[in-house]
């Protein structure tokens, strides 16, 4: 789902009852338990993506959407 430059668009649901990543209608959706306060939900999404992709969290960078549900991440190598 990432483009040639390693960017991945994700729709985030913070404060969810369960955590996980799903693909729905060709869109990556991430649900995290963390609330959207002080970047906690963003950090939880980064950790969740890193675990799902089998890479270190330091390789996942939030490019756009820090305060939005629609986020764009760069997945490094």
Protein backbone atom coordinates (compact mmCIF):
# COMPACT_ATOMS: atom_id res chain seq x y z
CA UNK A 1 0.00 0.00 0.00
CA UNK A 2 3.00 2.31 0.37
CA UNK A 3 3.97 4.31 -2.69
CA UNK A 4 7.39 4.32 -4.37
CA UNK A 5 8.72 6.78 -1.79
CA UNK A 6 7.54 4.69 1.16
CA UNK A 7 4.56 6.88 2.06
CA UNK A 8 1.50 5.22 3.56
CA UNK A 9 -1.88 6.90 4.11
CA UNK A 10 -3.70 5.71 7.24
CA UNK A 11 -7.09 6.60 8.74
CA UNK A 12 -6.77 6.49 12.54
CA UNK A 13 -9.42 5.88 15.18
CA UNK A 14 -8.07 6.90 18.61
CA UNK A 15 -9.72 5.79 21.83
CA UNK A 16 -10.91 2.49 20.32
CA UNK A 17 -11.82 -0.54 22.43
CA UNK A 18 -9.39 -2.75 20.52
CA UNK A 19 -6.16 -2.13 18.64
CA UNK A 20 -5.42 -3.31 15.15
CA UNK A 21 -4.82 -2.52 11.51
CA UNK A 22 -7.31 -3.38 8.78
CA UNK A 23 -7.64 -2.81 5.07
CA UNK A 24 -11.10 -1.58 4.13
CA UNK A 25 -12.07 -0.37 0.65
CA UNK A 26 -8.37 -0.10 -0.29
CA UNK A 27 -7.73 2.15 2.73
CA UNK A 28 -5.49 1.30 5.67
CA UNK A 29 -7.30 1.86 8.96
CA UNK A 30 -5.64 1.77 12.37
CA UNK A 31 -7.45 1.62 15.70
CA UNK A 32 -5.56 2.42 18.90
CA UNK A 33 -6.63 2.60 22.53
CA UNK A 34 -4.63 5.75 23.24
CA UNK A 35 -6.48 9.04 23.43
CA UNK A 36 -5.49 11.90 21.11
CA UNK A 37 -3.71 13.85 23.86
CA UNK A 38 -0.11 15.04 23.78
CA UNK A 39 0.69 12.84 20.78
CA UNK A 40 -0.14 9.59 22.57
CA UNK A 41 -2.35 8.29 19.75
CA UNK A 42 0.26 9.15 17.12
CA UNK A 43 2.93 7.27 19.09
CA UNK A 44 0.59 4.29 19.45
CA UNK A 45 -0.09 4.25 15.69
CA UNK A 46 3.64 4.39 14.94
CA UNK A 47 4.26 1.44 17.28
CA UNK A 48 1.36 -0.50 15.76
CA UNK A 49 2.53 0.11 12.19
CA UNK A 50 6.12 -0.83 13.05
CA UNK A 51 4.99 -4.09 14.63
CA UNK A 52 2.73 -4.94 11.67
CA UNK A 53 5.47 -4.16 9.14
CA UNK A 54 8.23 -5.88 11.11
CA UNK A 55 10.44 -2.82 11.41
CA UNK A 56 11.71 -0.58 14.20
CA UNK A 57 9.42 2.28 15.30
CA UNK A 58 12.25 4.69 14.44
CA UNK A 59 11.72 3.72 10.77
CA UNK A 60 8.11 5.01 10.81
CA UNK A 61 7.83 8.79 10.50
CA UNK A 62 4.66 10.88 10.65
CA UNK A 63 4.77 13.23 7.67
CA UNK A 64 1.33 14.82 7.74
CA UNK A 65 -1.81 14.82 9.87
CA UNK A 66 -0.54 15.15 13.44
CA UNK A 67 -3.94 16.44 14.60
CA UNK A 68 -6.10 14.73 11.99
CA UNK A 69 -7.56 11.24 11.62
CA UNK A 70 -6.11 11.12 8.10
CA UNK A 71 -2.35 10.68 8.44
CA UNK A 72 0.55 10.05 6.09
CA UNK A 73 3.57 8.10 7.29
CA UNK A 74 6.93 7.39 5.66
CA UNK A 75 8.20 3.87 6.11
CA UNK A 76 12.01 3.80 6.06
CA UNK A 77 14.28 0.89 5.32
